[in-house]
Amino acid sequence: MPLVSALFMWILFVALSLYLDCGSPISLHRAEYTIAVGPPLYLLVLHLGIALQIGLMGRDFPDSTREWLARAGALTLSVAAIWAMVFAIAVFAPFWVAKLWLTSGVGISSAAGAWVVSTLMAVLAGKSAKTKGVDESAPSYSVILDYVARYGPFIAITGFLVLVACGVQLLLRQSLWRGSGSFLSRFTDGYWDLFP
């Protein structure tokens, strides 16, 4: 049974390496993509192989070890998801924001406004006495405000990270500030060529 799991994982590792094109020189755009999604996908392949091994062993696999592997797997998959999200924000978000600004200036203004309003609402909801959570049966308790206070910070943090990533990319590309034509056009056209 371990050979079946090992063969399954080897096939998936080879397929993933071929998909990511790890054996040949790649463009900067492809390198950034590989760095962003490669490690999380390799961890996912490892977890699929472990899950197959656990399934093939069935009742012969001790419950305590199965629970430990499930907890370790959940933690490493959480790290992989955070890795992919942070790299996507740091590397791809400035490009996406610039493209959106070029195609729809109203869209980026709307998104920025919605982010500011949702961040302010989350902060105010978090300070509200209606979201304490101590006595949920009290007449002043508000379920909607509680949800805003609970999930609003995720929107605020994501928007802040996108803002920081855009600021860093703009500061690193000071050579584009001088020149003819639209700055954002030069920024998006040379984004992968001038990537620091």
N, C-alpha and C. Protein backbone atom coordinates (compact mmCIF):
# COMPACT_ATOMS: atom_id res chain seq x y z
N MET A 1 0.80 -1.20 0.00
CA MET A 1 0.00 0.00 0.00
C MET A 1 0.85 1.27 0.00
N PRO A 2 1.97 1.29 0.72
CA PRO A 2 2.79 2.51 0.65
C PRO A 2 3.29 2.77 -0.77
N LEU A 3 3.52 1.71 -1.55
CA LEU A 3 3.99 1.90 -2.92
C LEU A 3 2.92 2.56 -3.79
N VAL A 4 1.66 2.22 -3.56
CA VAL A 4 0.58 2.84 -4.32
C VAL A 4 0.52 4.33 -4.02
N SER A 5 0.61 4.69 -2.74
CA SER A 5 0.59 6.11 -2.36
C SER A 5 1.81 6.84 -2.90
N ALA A 6 2.97 6.20 -2.82
CA ALA A 6 4.19 6.82 -3.32
C ALA A 6 4.11 7.02 -4.83
N LEU A 7 3.62 6.04 -5.57
CA LEU A 7 3.47 6.17 -7.01
C LEU A 7 2.46 7.27 -7.37
N PHE A 8 1.35 7.32 -6.63
CA PHE A 8 0.34 8.35 -6.84
C PHE A 8 0.95 9.74 -6.63
N MET A 9 1.69 9.91 -5.54
CA MET A 9 2.30 11.21 -5.26
C MET A 9 3.36 11.54 -6.30
N TRP A 10 4.14 10.57 -6.72
CA TRP A 10 5.18 10.82 -7.73
C TRP A 10 4.55 11.29 -9.04
N ILE A 11 3.46 10.65 -9.45
CA ILE A 11 2.78 11.04 -10.68
C ILE A 11 2.25 12.47 -10.56
N LEU A 12 1.67 12.79 -9.40
CA LEU A 12 1.16 14.15 -9.21
C LEU A 12 2.29 15.18 -9.17
N PHE A 13 3.41 14.83 -8.52
CA PHE A 13 4.55 15.75 -8.48
C PHE A 13 5.10 16.00 -9.88
N VAL A 14 5.21 14.96 -10.69
CA VAL A 14 5.71 15.12 -12.05
C VAL A 14 4.73 15.96 -12.88
N ALA A 15 3.43 15.67 -12.75
CA ALA A 15 2.43 16.44 -13.49
C ALA A 15 2.46 17.91 -13.07
N LEU A 16 2.62 18.17 -11.78
CA LEU A 16 2.68 19.55 -11.31
C LEU A 16 3.94 20.25 -11.78
N SER A 17 5.05 19.54 -11.79
CA SER A 17 6.30 20.12 -12.29
C SER A 17 6.19 20.44 -13.78
N LEU A 18 5.54 19.57 -14.53
CA LEU A 18 5.33 19.85 -15.95
C LEU A 18 4.38 21.03 -16.15
N TYR A 19 3.35 21.12 -15.32
CA TYR A 19 2.42 22.23 -15.41
C TYR A 19 3.11 23.56 -15.10
N LEU A 20 3.94 23.56 -14.06
CA LEU A 20 4.64 24.79 -13.68
C LEU A 20 5.86 25.04 -14.56
N ASP A 21 6.20 24.08 -15.43
CA ASP A 21 7.31 24.20 -16.36
C ASP A 21 8.63 24.49 -15.63
N CYS A 22 8.90 23.66 -14.62
CA CYS A 22 10.06 23.89 -13.75
C CYS A 22 11.40 23.58 -14.42
N GLY A 23 11.41 22.83 -15.48
CA GLY A 23 12.67 22.41 -16.08
C GLY A 23 13.26 23.37 -17.09
N SER A 24 12.53 24.39 -17.48
CA SER A 24 13.04 25.28 -18.53
C SER A 24 13.03 26.73 -18.03
N PRO A 25 13.84 27.57 -18.66
CA PRO A 25 13.81 28.99 -18.28
C PRO A 25 12.44 29.58 -18.56
N ILE A 26 12.00 30.42 -17.66
CA ILE A 26 10.66 30.97 -17.80
C ILE A 26 10.72 32.50 -17.72
N SER A 27 9.66 33.11 -18.20
CA SER A 27 9.58 34.58 -18.17
C SER A 27 9.36 35.04 -16.74
N LEU A 28 9.54 36.34 -16.52
CA LEU A 28 9.33 36.88 -15.18
C LEU A 28 7.90 36.70 -14.72
N HIS A 29 6.94 36.89 -15.63
CA HIS A 29 5.54 36.72 -15.27
C HIS A 29 5.28 35.29 -14.81
N ARG A 30 5.82 34.35 -15.52
CA ARG A 30 5.62 32.94 -15.17
C ARG A 30 6.36 32.60 -13.88
N ALA A 31 7.54 33.22 -13.65
CA ALA A 31 8.29 32.96 -12.42
C ALA A 31 7.50 33.45 -11.21
N GLU A 32 6.88 34.61 -11.32
CA GLU A 32 6.08 35.13 -10.21
C GLU A 32 4.90 34.21 -9.94
N TYR A 33 4.27 33.74 -10.99
CA TYR A 33 3.15 32.80 -10.84
C TYR A 33 3.61 31.52 -10.16
N THR A 34 4.77 31.01 -10.57
CA THR A 34 5.30 29.78 -10.00
C THR A 34 5.61 29.96 -8.52
N ILE A 35 6.18 31.09 -8.16
CA ILE A 35 6.48 31.34 -6.75
C ILE A 35 5.20 31.47 -5.93
N ALA A 36 4.17 32.07 -6.52
CA ALA A 36 2.93 32.29 -5.78
C ALA A 36 2.15 31.00 -5.57
N VAL A 37 2.03 30.17 -6.59
CA VAL A 37 1.16 28.99 -6.46
C VAL A 37 1.92 27.67 -6.38
N GLY A 38 3.20 27.66 -6.70
CA GLY A 38 3.95 26.41 -6.69
C GLY A 38 4.02 25.73 -5.33
N PRO A 39 4.55 26.39 -4.30
CA PRO A 39 4.63 25.74 -2.98
C PRO A 39 3.28 25.28 -2.43
N PRO A 40 2.21 26.09 -2.52
CA PRO A 40 0.93 25.57 -2.03
C PRO A 40 0.44 24.34 -2.81
N LEU A 41 0.68 24.32 -4.12
CA LEU A 41 0.25 23.15 -4.89
C LEU A 41 1.07 21.91 -4.54
N TYR A 42 2.37 22.08 -4.30
CA TYR A 42 3.19 20.94 -3.88
C TYR A 42 2.73 20.42 -2.52
N LEU A 43 2.37 21.32 -1.61
CA LEU A 43 1.85 20.88 -0.32
C LEU A 43 0.52 20.14 -0.49
N LEU A 44 -0.30 20.60 -1.41
CA LEU A 44 -1.58 19.93 -1.67
C LEU A 44 -1.35 18.51 -2.21
N VAL A 45 -0.38 18.35 -3.09
CA VAL A 45 -0.05 17.02 -3.61
C VAL A 45 0.40 16.11 -2.47
N LEU A 46 1.23 16.64 -1.58
CA LEU A 46 1.69 15.86 -0.44
C LEU A 46 0.51 15.42 0.43
N HIS A 47 -0.43 16.31 0.64
CA HIS A 47 -1.60 15.98 1.45
C HIS A 47 -2.50 14.96 0.77
N LEU A 48 -2.62 15.05 -0.55
CA LEU A 48 -3.42 14.05 -1.26
C LEU A 48 -2.80 12.65 -1.14
N GLY A 49 -1.48 12.58 -1.21
CA GLY A 49 -0.81 11.29 -1.04
C GLY A 49 -0.99 10.73 0.36
N ILE A 50 -0.89 11.58 1.36
CA ILE A 50 -1.09 11.14 2.74
C ILE A 50 -2.54 10.69 2.95
N ALA A 51 -3.49 11.43 2.38
CA ALA A 51 -4.90 11.04 2.51
C ALA A 51 -5.15 9.70 1.84
N LEU A 52 -4.53 9.45 0.70
CA LEU A 52 -4.68 8.15 0.04
C LEU A 52 -4.11 7.04 0.92
N GLN A 53 -2.94 7.27 1.51
CA GLN A 53 -2.33 6.27 2.37
C GLN A 53 -3.22 5.97 3.58
N ILE A 54 -3.77 7.01 4.18
CA ILE A 54 -4.67 6.81 5.32
C ILE A 54 -5.89 6.02 4.89
N GLY A 55 -6.45 6.36 3.73
CA GLY A 55 -7.61 5.64 3.24
C GLY A 55 -7.33 4.18 2.92
N LEU A 56 -6.16 3.91 2.36
CA LEU A 56 -5.81 2.53 2.03
C LEU A 56 -5.56 1.69 3.28
N MET A 57 -5.04 2.30 4.32
CA MET A 57 -4.77 1.55 5.55
C MET A 57 -6.05 1.26 6.32
N GLY A 58 -7.04 2.14 6.18
CA GLY A 58 -8.34 1.89 6.82
C GLY A 58 -8.24 1.81 8.33
N ARG A 59 -8.78 0.73 8.88
CA ARG A 59 -8.82 0.57 10.33
C ARG A 59 -7.46 0.23 10.92
N ASP A 60 -6.50 -0.15 10.09
CA ASP A 60 -5.16 -0.45 10.61
C ASP A 60 -4.41 0.81 11.04
N PHE A 61 -4.88 1.95 10.60
CA PHE A 61 -4.21 3.21 10.94
C PHE A 61 -4.77 3.71 12.27
N PRO A 62 -3.94 3.95 13.27
CA PRO A 62 -4.43 4.36 14.60
C PRO A 62 -5.17 5.70 14.55
N ASP A 63 -6.23 5.79 15.35
CA ASP A 63 -7.03 7.01 15.38
C ASP A 63 -6.23 8.22 15.85
N SER A 64 -5.37 8.03 16.84
CA SER A 64 -4.60 9.16 17.36
C SER A 64 -3.67 9.73 16.28
N THR A 65 -3.07 8.86 15.49
CA THR A 65 -2.19 9.32 14.42
C THR A 65 -2.99 9.99 13.32
N ARG A 66 -4.17 9.44 13.02
CA ARG A 66 -5.03 10.04 12.00
C ARG A 66 -5.46 11.45 12.43
N GLU A 67 -5.81 11.62 13.69
CA GLU A 67 -6.20 12.94 14.18
C GLU A 67 -5.01 13.91 14.14
N TRP A 68 -3.83 13.41 14.52
CA TRP A 68 -2.65 14.26 14.50
C TRP A 68 -2.34 14.71 13.06
N LEU A 69 -2.41 13.78 12.10
CA LEU A 69 -2.16 14.14 10.71
C LEU A 69 -3.22 15.09 10.17
N ALA A 70 -4.45 14.93 10.60
CA ALA A 70 -5.50 15.85 10.16
C ALA A 70 -5.23 17.25 10.68
N ARG A 71 -4.81 17.36 11.93
CA ARG A 71 -4.51 18.68 12.49
C ARG A 71 -3.28 19.29 11.81
N ALA A 72 -2.24 18.51 11.62
CA ALA A 72 -1.03 19.01 10.94
C ALA A 72 -1.36 19.40 9.50
N GLY A 73 -2.20 18.61 8.84
CA GLY A 73 -2.59 18.93 7.47
C GLY A 73 -3.38 20.21 7.39
N ALA A 74 -4.28 20.42 8.33
CA ALA A 74 -5.06 21.66 8.34
C ALA A 74 -4.16 22.87 8.55
N LEU A 75 -3.19 22.75 9.44
CA LEU A 75 -2.28 23.87 9.68
C LEU A 75 -1.42 24.17 8.45
N THR A 76 -0.87 23.14 7.83
CA THR A 76 -0.02 23.39 6.67
C THR A 76 -0.83 23.89 5.47
N LEU A 77 -2.05 23.43 5.31
CA LEU A 77 -2.88 23.95 4.23
C LEU A 77 -3.30 25.40 4.50
N SER A 78 -3.46 25.75 5.77
CA SER A 78 -3.73 27.15 6.12
C SER A 78 -2.53 28.02 5.75
N VAL A 79 -1.33 27.53 6.06
CA VAL A 79 -0.12 28.27 5.70
C VAL A 79 0.00 28.39 4.18
N ALA A 80 -0.33 27.33 3.46
CA ALA A 80 -0.27 27.37 2.00
C ALA A 80 -1.26 28.38 1.42
N ALA A 81 -2.45 28.44 2.00
CA ALA A 81 -3.45 29.41 1.52
C ALA A 81 -2.99 30.84 1.80
N ILE A 82 -2.42 31.06 2.97
CA ILE A 82 -1.91 32.39 3.31
C ILE A 82 -0.76 32.76 2.39
N TRP A 83 0.13 31.79 2.11
CA TRP A 83 1.25 32.01 1.19
C TRP A 83 0.73 32.48 -0.17
N ALA A 84 -0.23 31.74 -0.72
CA ALA A 84 -0.76 32.08 -2.04
C ALA A 84 -1.45 33.45 -2.02
N MET A 85 -2.19 33.75 -0.95
CA MET A 85 -2.89 35.03 -0.87
C MET A 85 -1.90 36.19 -0.76
N VAL A 86 -0.90 36.06 0.10
CA VAL A 86 0.05 37.15 0.29
C VAL A 86 0.86 37.40 -0.99
N PHE A 87 1.30 36.32 -1.65
CA PHE A 87 2.04 36.51 -2.89
C PHE A 87 1.16 37.07 -4.00
N ALA A 88 -0.09 36.65 -4.04
CA ALA A 88 -1.00 37.21 -5.06
C ALA A 88 -1.20 38.70 -4.83
N ILE A 89 -1.35 39.09 -3.57
CA ILE A 89 -1.52 40.51 -3.28
C ILE A 89 -0.25 41.28 -3.57
N ALA A 90 0.89 40.77 -3.11
CA ALA A 90 2.14 41.51 -3.26
C ALA A 90 2.60 41.62 -4.71
N VAL A 91 2.40 40.58 -5.48
CA VAL A 91 2.94 40.54 -6.84
C VAL A 91 1.91 40.96 -7.88
N PHE A 92 0.71 40.43 -7.79
CA PHE A 92 -0.27 40.64 -8.86
C PHE A 92 -1.22 41.80 -8.63
N ALA A 93 -1.51 42.14 -7.37
CA ALA A 93 -2.50 43.19 -7.09
C ALA A 93 -2.13 44.55 -7.70
N PRO A 94 -0.87 45.01 -7.63
CA PRO A 94 -0.58 46.31 -8.27
C PRO A 94 -0.85 46.31 -9.77
N PHE A 95 -0.55 45.22 -10.43
CA PHE A 95 -0.81 45.10 -11.86
C PHE A 95 -2.31 45.13 -12.13
N TRP A 96 -3.08 44.36 -11.33
CA TRP A 96 -4.53 44.32 -11.51
C TRP A 96 -5.17 45.68 -11.24
N VAL A 97 -4.69 46.37 -10.19
CA VAL A 97 -5.23 47.69 -9.86
C VAL A 97 -4.95 48.68 -10.99
N ALA A 98 -3.73 48.66 -11.52
CA ALA A 98 -3.39 49.57 -12.62
C ALA A 98 -4.22 49.26 -13.86
N LYS A 99 -4.39 47.97 -14.18
CA LYS A 99 -5.21 47.59 -15.34
C LYS A 99 -6.67 48.05 -15.15
N LEU A 100 -7.19 47.85 -13.93
CA LEU A 100 -8.56 48.27 -13.65
C LEU A 100 -8.69 49.78 -13.76
N TRP A 101 -7.68 50.49 -13.30
CA TRP A 101 -7.71 51.95 -13.38
C TRP A 101 -7.72 52.41 -14.84
N LEU A 102 -6.93 51.72 -15.69
CA LEU A 102 -6.89 52.09 -17.11
C LEU A 102 -8.20 51.77 -17.82
N THR A 103 -8.79 50.63 -17.48
CA THR A 103 -10.02 50.24 -18.18
C THR A 103 -11.26 50.90 -17.60
N SER A 104 -11.27 51.11 -16.28
CA SER A 104 -12.45 51.69 -15.65
C SER A 104 -12.03 52.48 -14.42
N GLY A 105 -11.82 53.75 -14.61
CA GLY A 105 -11.46 54.61 -13.48
C GLY A 105 -12.57 54.68 -12.46
N VAL A 106 -13.83 54.58 -12.92
CA VAL A 106 -14.97 54.59 -12.01
C VAL A 106 -14.96 53.32 -11.16
N GLY A 107 -14.58 52.20 -11.75
CA GLY A 107 -14.54 50.94 -11.01
C GLY A 107 -13.55 50.97 -9.87
N ILE A 108 -12.37 51.53 -10.11
CA ILE A 108 -11.36 51.59 -9.05
C ILE A 108 -11.78 52.58 -7.98
N SER A 109 -12.42 53.68 -8.38
CA SER A 109 -12.91 54.65 -7.40
C SER A 109 -14.01 54.04 -6.55
N SER A 110 -14.88 53.28 -7.17
CA SER A 110 -15.96 52.60 -6.42
C SER A 110 -15.39 51.58 -5.46
N ALA A 111 -14.41 50.81 -5.92
CA ALA A 111 -13.80 49.80 -5.05
C ALA A 111 -13.09 50.45 -3.87
N ALA A 112 -12.36 51.53 -4.12
CA ALA A 112 -11.66 52.23 -3.04
C ALA A 112 -12.66 52.83 -2.05
N GLY A 113 -13.72 53.40 -2.56
CA GLY A 113 -14.74 53.96 -1.68
C GLY A 113 -15.42 52.89 -0.84
N ALA A 114 -15.74 51.76 -1.47
CA ALA A 114 -16.36 50.66 -0.73
C ALA A 114 -15.42 50.12 0.34
N TRP A 115 -14.12 50.08 0.03
CA TRP A 115 -13.16 49.60 1.02
C TRP A 115 -13.09 50.56 2.21
N VAL A 116 -13.03 51.86 1.94
CA VAL A 116 -12.96 52.84 3.03
C VAL A 116 -14.23 52.77 3.89
N VAL A 117 -15.39 52.72 3.26
CA VAL A 117 -16.65 52.68 4.01
C VAL A 117 -16.74 51.38 4.82
N SER A 118 -16.39 50.24 4.23
CA SER A 118 -16.48 48.98 4.98
C SER A 118 -15.47 48.94 6.12
N THR A 119 -14.31 49.54 5.94
CA THR A 119 -13.33 49.60 7.03
C THR A 119 -13.84 50.46 8.17
N LEU A 120 -14.39 51.62 7.85
CA LEU A 120 -14.96 52.48 8.89
C LEU A 120 -16.13 51.82 9.60
N MET A 121 -16.98 51.14 8.84
CA MET A 121 -18.11 50.44 9.45
C MET A 121 -17.63 49.34 10.38
N ALA A 122 -16.58 48.62 10.00
CA ALA A 122 -16.06 47.55 10.86
C ALA A 122 -15.48 48.12 12.15
N VAL A 123 -14.76 49.24 12.04
CA VAL A 123 -14.19 49.86 13.24
C VAL A 123 -15.29 50.35 14.16
N LEU A 124 -16.28 51.04 13.60
CA LEU A 124 -17.37 51.55 14.42
C LEU A 124 -18.23 50.42 15.00
N ALA A 125 -18.44 49.37 14.24
CA ALA A 125 -19.21 48.23 14.75
C ALA A 125 -18.45 47.51 15.86
N GLY A 126 -17.13 47.46 15.74
CA GLY A 126 -16.34 46.83 16.79
C GLY A 126 -16.38 47.60 18.10
N LYS A 127 -16.55 48.92 18.02
CA LYS A 127 -16.63 49.76 19.22
C LYS A 127 -18.04 49.82 19.80
N SER A 128 -19.02 49.37 19.04
CA SER A 128 -20.41 49.50 19.45
C SER A 128 -20.72 48.58 20.63
N ALA A 129 -21.62 49.05 21.49
CA ALA A 129 -22.08 48.24 22.62
C ALA A 129 -23.02 47.13 22.16
N LYS A 130 -23.52 47.25 20.94
CA LYS A 130 -24.45 46.25 20.41
C LYS A 130 -23.74 45.00 19.91
N THR A 131 -22.43 44.97 19.93
CA THR A 131 -21.69 43.80 19.42
C THR A 131 -20.80 43.18 20.48
N LYS A 132 -21.10 43.39 21.72
CA LYS A 132 -20.26 42.85 22.80
C LYS A 132 -20.25 41.33 22.80
N GLY A 133 -21.39 40.69 22.51
CA GLY A 133 -21.44 39.24 22.49
C GLY A 133 -21.64 38.63 23.86
N VAL A 134 -21.77 39.46 24.92
CA VAL A 134 -21.95 38.93 26.26
C VAL A 134 -23.37 38.43 26.44
N ASP A 135 -24.32 39.25 26.05
CA ASP A 135 -25.72 38.89 26.20
C ASP A 135 -26.41 39.03 24.85
N GLU A 136 -26.47 37.93 24.12
CA GLU A 136 -27.03 37.97 22.78
C GLU A 136 -28.55 38.08 22.79
N SER A 137 -29.18 37.87 23.93
CA SER A 137 -30.64 37.98 23.99
C SER A 137 -31.09 39.38 24.38
N ALA A 138 -30.15 40.28 24.65
CA ALA A 138 -30.50 41.65 25.03
C ALA A 138 -31.17 42.35 23.84
N PRO A 139 -32.08 43.29 24.13
CA PRO A 139 -32.79 43.97 23.03
C PRO A 139 -31.89 44.86 22.18
N SER A 140 -30.74 45.27 22.71
CA SER A 140 -29.87 46.15 21.94
C SER A 140 -28.87 45.39 21.07
N TYR A 141 -28.84 44.07 21.18
CA TYR A 141 -27.91 43.26 20.39
C TYR A 141 -28.30 43.25 18.92
N SER A 142 -27.34 43.45 18.02
CA SER A 142 -27.61 43.48 16.59
C SER A 142 -26.76 42.42 15.89
N VAL A 143 -27.43 41.48 15.24
CA VAL A 143 -26.74 40.41 14.54
C VAL A 143 -25.94 40.96 13.36
N ILE A 144 -26.51 41.92 12.65
CA ILE A 144 -25.84 42.49 11.48
C ILE A 144 -24.57 43.21 11.89
N LEU A 145 -24.65 44.02 12.94
CA LEU A 145 -23.45 44.71 13.43
C LEU A 145 -22.40 43.72 13.92
N ASP A 146 -22.86 42.64 14.52
CA ASP A 146 -21.92 41.62 14.98
C ASP A 146 -21.17 41.00 13.80
N TYR A 147 -21.88 40.72 12.70
CA TYR A 147 -21.22 40.19 11.51
C TYR A 147 -20.25 41.20 10.90
N VAL A 148 -20.64 42.46 10.87
CA VAL A 148 -19.76 43.51 10.34
C VAL A 148 -18.50 43.61 11.19
N ALA A 149 -18.67 43.56 12.51
CA ALA A 149 -17.51 43.64 13.40
C ALA A 149 -16.63 42.41 13.30
N ARG A 150 -17.23 41.27 13.03
CA ARG A 150 -16.48 40.03 12.97
C ARG A 150 -15.72 39.86 11.65
N TYR A 151 -16.35 40.18 10.53
CA TYR A 151 -15.75 39.91 9.22
C TYR A 151 -15.22 41.14 8.50
N GLY A 152 -15.53 42.33 8.98
CA GLY A 152 -15.05 43.56 8.37
C GLY A 152 -13.53 43.70 8.38
N PRO A 153 -12.86 43.31 9.47
CA PRO A 153 -11.39 43.45 9.48
C PRO A 153 -10.69 42.68 8.36
N PHE A 154 -11.25 41.58 7.90
CA PHE A 154 -10.63 40.85 6.79
C PHE A 154 -10.61 41.70 5.52
N ILE A 155 -11.70 42.42 5.29
CA ILE A 155 -11.74 43.33 4.13
C ILE A 155 -10.77 44.48 4.33
N ALA A 156 -10.71 45.00 5.55
CA ALA A 156 -9.82 46.12 5.84
C ALA A 156 -8.35 45.73 5.66
N ILE A 157 -7.98 44.58 6.16
CA ILE A 157 -6.58 44.13 6.07
C ILE A 157 -6.21 43.83 4.63
N THR A 158 -7.10 43.19 3.90
CA THR A 158 -6.81 42.89 2.49
C THR A 158 -6.63 44.17 1.69
N GLY A 159 -7.51 45.13 1.88
CA GLY A 159 -7.38 46.40 1.18
C GLY A 159 -6.11 47.14 1.56
N PHE A 160 -5.76 47.09 2.85
CA PHE A 160 -4.52 47.74 3.29
C PHE A 160 -3.30 47.08 2.65
N LEU A 161 -3.29 45.75 2.57
CA LEU A 161 -2.17 45.06 1.93
C LEU A 161 -2.07 45.40 0.44
N VAL A 162 -3.21 45.52 -0.23
CA VAL A 162 -3.20 45.92 -1.65
C VAL A 162 -2.66 47.34 -1.78
N LEU A 163 -3.06 48.22 -0.89
CA LEU A 163 -2.57 49.59 -0.90
C LEU A 163 -1.05 49.65 -0.68
N VAL A 164 -0.56 48.89 0.27
CA VAL A 164 0.89 48.85 0.53
C VAL A 164 1.64 48.27 -0.67
N ALA A 165 1.11 47.19 -1.26
CA ALA A 165 1.77 46.58 -2.42
C ALA A 165 1.84 47.55 -3.59
N CYS A 166 0.76 48.28 -3.82
CA CYS A 166 0.76 49.27 -4.91
C CYS A 166 1.75 50.38 -4.63
N GLY A 167 1.80 50.84 -3.39
CA GLY A 167 2.75 51.89 -3.02
C GLY A 167 4.19 51.45 -3.19
N VAL A 168 4.49 50.24 -2.78
CA VAL A 168 5.86 49.72 -2.92
C VAL A 168 6.24 49.60 -4.39
N GLN A 169 5.34 49.07 -5.22
CA GLN A 169 5.65 48.92 -6.64
C GLN A 169 5.83 50.28 -7.31
N LEU A 170 5.03 51.26 -6.92
CA LEU A 170 5.18 52.60 -7.49
C LEU A 170 6.50 53.24 -7.07
N LEU A 171 6.90 53.03 -5.83
CA LEU A 171 8.18 53.58 -5.37
C LEU A 171 9.37 52.88 -6.02
N LEU A 172 9.24 51.60 -6.29
CA LEU A 172 10.34 50.86 -6.91
C LEU A 172 10.50 51.19 -8.39
N ARG A 173 9.50 51.77 -8.99
CA ARG A 173 9.53 52.09 -10.42
C ARG A 173 9.61 53.59 -10.66
N GLN A 174 10.48 54.24 -9.96
CA GLN A 174 10.62 55.69 -10.10
C GLN A 174 11.08 56.10 -11.49
N SER A 175 11.76 55.20 -12.19
CA SER A 175 12.21 55.54 -13.54
C SER A 175 11.02 55.75 -14.49
N LEU A 176 9.88 55.18 -14.18
CA LEU A 176 8.69 55.34 -15.03
C LEU A 176 7.99 56.67 -14.79
N TRP A 177 8.32 57.34 -13.69
CA TRP A 177 7.64 58.59 -13.40
C TRP A 177 7.95 59.66 -14.44
N ARG A 178 9.18 59.60 -14.97
CA ARG A 178 9.54 60.56 -16.01
C ARG A 178 9.32 59.90 -17.36
N GLY A 179 8.82 60.62 -18.28
CA GLY A 179 8.61 60.05 -19.61
C GLY A 179 7.32 60.58 -20.21
N SER A 180 7.17 60.25 -21.46
CA SER A 180 5.99 60.74 -22.17
C SER A 180 4.87 59.70 -22.10
N GLY A 181 3.66 60.17 -22.19
CA GLY A 181 2.51 59.27 -22.18
C GLY A 181 2.00 59.03 -20.77
N SER A 182 1.01 58.20 -20.70
CA SER A 182 0.37 57.88 -19.42
C SER A 182 1.28 57.02 -18.55
N PHE A 183 1.41 57.40 -17.29
CA PHE A 183 2.25 56.64 -16.37
C PHE A 183 1.70 55.23 -16.19
N LEU A 184 0.39 55.08 -16.03
CA LEU A 184 -0.18 53.76 -15.80
C LEU A 184 -0.02 52.86 -17.03
N SER A 185 -0.06 53.43 -18.21
CA SER A 185 0.18 52.62 -19.41
C SER A 185 1.60 52.09 -19.43
N ARG A 186 2.56 52.95 -19.11
CA ARG A 186 3.96 52.50 -19.04
C ARG A 186 4.14 51.48 -17.92
N PHE A 187 3.42 51.71 -16.81
CA PHE A 187 3.51 50.81 -15.66
C PHE A 187 3.03 49.41 -16.02
N THR A 188 1.86 49.31 -16.64
CA THR A 188 1.31 47.99 -16.99
C THR A 188 2.07 47.33 -18.13
N ASP A 189 2.53 48.14 -19.11
CA ASP A 189 3.25 47.56 -20.25
C ASP A 189 4.60 46.97 -19.82
N GLY A 190 5.27 47.62 -18.90
CA GLY A 190 6.58 47.13 -18.48
C GLY A 190 6.60 46.48 -17.12
N TYR A 191 5.42 46.07 -16.63
CA TYR A 191 5.34 45.52 -15.27
C TYR A 191 6.23 44.31 -15.09
N TRP A 192 6.17 43.36 -16.00
CA TRP A 192 6.93 42.12 -15.84
C TRP A 192 8.37 42.30 -16.29
N ASP A 193 8.65 43.26 -17.16
CA ASP A 193 10.02 43.49 -17.61
C ASP A 193 10.85 44.17 -16.54
N LEU A 194 10.22 45.07 -15.79
CA LEU A 194 10.93 45.85 -14.79
C LEU A 194 10.67 45.36 -13.38
N PHE A 195 10.17 44.15 -13.26
CA PHE A 195 9.81 43.67 -11.93
C PHE A 195 11.06 43.56 -11.07
N PRO A 196 11.04 44.23 -9.88
CA PRO A 196 12.25 44.23 -9.04
C PRO A 196 12.56 42.86 -8.47
